């Protein structure tokens, strides 16, 4: 997979950092939240979808991390 370097967005709280990577040749954006084994990824086709998807992935991560603690 060809891609440009990642851009990292820092969260406002204890949520994991969202890592963004531009995928070539179609300029889609891969968003990764968390680290293995608790990692969620999504690919969006437009920049205006990134913030909403980060919020959703961080929400998934938060729910999964709470379930692991039980």
C-alpha atoms as a PDB file:
ATOM      1  CA  UNK A   1       0.000   0.000   0.000  1.00  0.00           C
ATOM      2  CA  UNK A   2       1.431   3.360  -1.019  1.00  0.00           C
ATOM      3  CA  UNK A   3       0.779   6.255   1.272  1.00  0.00           C
ATOM      4  CA  UNK A   4       2.081   9.567   2.442  1.00  0.00           C
ATOM      5  CA  UNK A   5       3.346   9.965   6.016  1.00  0.00           C
ATOM      6  CA  UNK A   6       0.805   9.888   8.824  1.00  0.00           C
ATOM      7  CA  UNK A   7      -0.589  12.966  10.503  1.00  0.00           C
ATOM      8  CA  UNK A   8      -1.397  12.596  14.191  1.00  0.00           C
ATOM      9  CA  UNK A   9      -4.288  14.389  15.887  1.00  0.00           C
ATOM     10  CA  UNK A  10      -4.094  14.699  19.661  1.00  0.00           C
ATOM     11  CA  UNK A  11      -7.311  14.137  21.613  1.00  0.00           C
ATOM     12  CA  UNK A  12      -8.682  16.477  24.283  1.00  0.00           C
ATOM     13  CA  UNK A  13      -8.992  13.706  26.873  1.00  0.00           C
ATOM     14  CA  UNK A  14      -7.633  10.270  27.705  1.00  0.00           C
ATOM     15  CA  UNK A  15      -8.860   8.886  24.396  1.00  0.00           C
ATOM     16  CA  UNK A  16      -6.257   7.420  22.029  1.00  0.00           C
ATOM     17  CA  UNK A  17      -4.584   9.518  19.362  1.00  0.00           C
ATOM     18  CA  UNK A  18      -6.068   9.342  15.876  1.00  0.00           C
ATOM     19  CA  UNK A  19      -3.529   8.707  13.115  1.00  0.00           C
ATOM     20  CA  UNK A  20      -4.377   9.808   9.583  1.00  0.00           C
ATOM     21  CA  UNK A  21      -2.782   8.453   6.429  1.00  0.00           C
ATOM     22  CA  UNK A  22      -3.489   9.578   2.862  1.00  0.00           C
ATOM     23  CA  UNK A  23      -3.880   6.566   0.579  1.00  0.00           C
ATOM     24  CA  UNK A  24      -2.707   6.828  -2.991  1.00  0.00           C
ATOM     25  CA  UNK A  25      -3.731   7.003  -5.827  1.00  0.00           C
ATOM     26  CA  UNK A  26      -7.309   7.980  -4.967  1.00  0.00           C
ATOM     27  CA  UNK A  27      -6.543  10.273  -1.964  1.00  0.00           C
ATOM     28  CA  UNK A  28      -8.783   8.432   0.490  1.00  0.00           C
ATOM     29  CA  UNK A  29      -7.885   8.834   4.167  1.00  0.00           C
ATOM     30  CA  UNK A  30      -7.246   5.921   6.514  1.00  0.00           C
ATOM     31  CA  UNK A  31      -7.959   6.723  10.163  1.00  0.00           C
ATOM     32  CA  UNK A  32      -6.481   4.542  12.910  1.00  0.00           C
ATOM     33  CA  UNK A  33      -7.410   4.874  16.587  1.00  0.00           C
ATOM     34  CA  UNK A  34      -5.651   2.898  19.304  1.00  0.00           C
ATOM     35  CA  UNK A  35      -2.896   0.300  19.229  1.00  0.00           C
ATOM     36  CA  UNK A  36      -2.971  -3.444  18.665  1.00  0.00           C
ATOM     37  CA  UNK A  37      -4.827  -5.396  20.055  1.00  0.00           C
ATOM     38  CA  UNK A  38      -7.372  -2.643  20.712  1.00  0.00           C
ATOM     39  CA  UNK A  39      -7.260  -0.821  17.377  1.00  0.00           C
ATOM     40  CA  UNK A  40      -9.990   0.488  15.094  1.00  0.00           C
ATOM     41  CA  UNK A  41      -9.564   1.609  11.476  1.00  0.00           C
ATOM     42  CA  UNK A  42     -11.745   3.242   8.904  1.00  0.00           C
ATOM     43  CA  UNK A  43     -11.261   4.696   5.430  1.00  0.00           C
ATOM     44  CA  UNK A  44     -13.109   7.808   4.281  1.00  0.00           C
ATOM     45  CA  UNK A  45     -13.266   9.311   0.819  1.00  0.00           C
ATOM     46  CA  UNK A  46     -13.460  12.976   1.786  1.00  0.00           C
ATOM     47  CA  UNK A  47     -11.737  15.268   4.280  1.00  0.00           C
ATOM     48  CA  UNK A  48     -15.026  16.603   5.630  1.00  0.00           C
ATOM     49  CA  UNK A  49     -15.785  13.108   7.016  1.00  0.00           C
ATOM     50  CA  UNK A  50     -12.579  12.774   9.051  1.00  0.00           C
ATOM     51  CA  UNK A  51     -13.581  14.496  12.299  1.00  0.00           C
ATOM     52  CA  UNK A  52     -16.905  12.654  12.572  1.00  0.00           C
ATOM     53  CA  UNK A  53     -15.192   9.301  11.911  1.00  0.00           C
ATOM     54  CA  UNK A  54     -12.491   9.994  14.528  1.00  0.00           C
ATOM     55  CA  UNK A  55     -15.192  10.658  17.112  1.00  0.00           C
ATOM     56  CA  UNK A  56     -16.947   7.417  16.168  1.00  0.00           C
ATOM     57  CA  UNK A  57     -13.751   5.335  16.280  1.00  0.00           C
ATOM     58  CA  UNK A  58     -12.746   6.815  19.635  1.00  0.00           C
ATOM     59  CA  UNK A  59     -16.201   5.955  20.943  1.00  0.00           C
ATOM     60  CA  UNK A  60     -15.776   2.341  19.766  1.00  0.00           C
ATOM     61  CA  UNK A  61     -12.344   2.244  21.408  1.00  0.00           C
ATOM     62  CA  UNK A  62     -13.695   3.607  24.693  1.00  0.00           C
ATOM     63  CA  UNK A  63     -16.491   0.998  24.812  1.00  0.00           C
ATOM     64  CA  UNK A  64     -14.103  -1.828  23.957  1.00  0.00           C
ATOM     65  CA  UNK A  65     -11.525  -0.731  26.529  1.00  0.00           C
ATOM     66  CA  UNK A  66     -14.219  -0.592  29.232  1.00  0.00           C
ATOM     67  CA  UNK A  67     -15.334  -4.128  28.301  1.00  0.00           C
ATOM     68  CA  UNK A  68     -11.745  -5.408  28.588  1.00  0.00           C
ATOM     69  CA  UNK A  69     -11.508  -4.097  32.158  1.00  0.00           C
ATOM     70  CA  UNK A  70     -14.535  -6.161  33.274  1.00  0.00           C
END
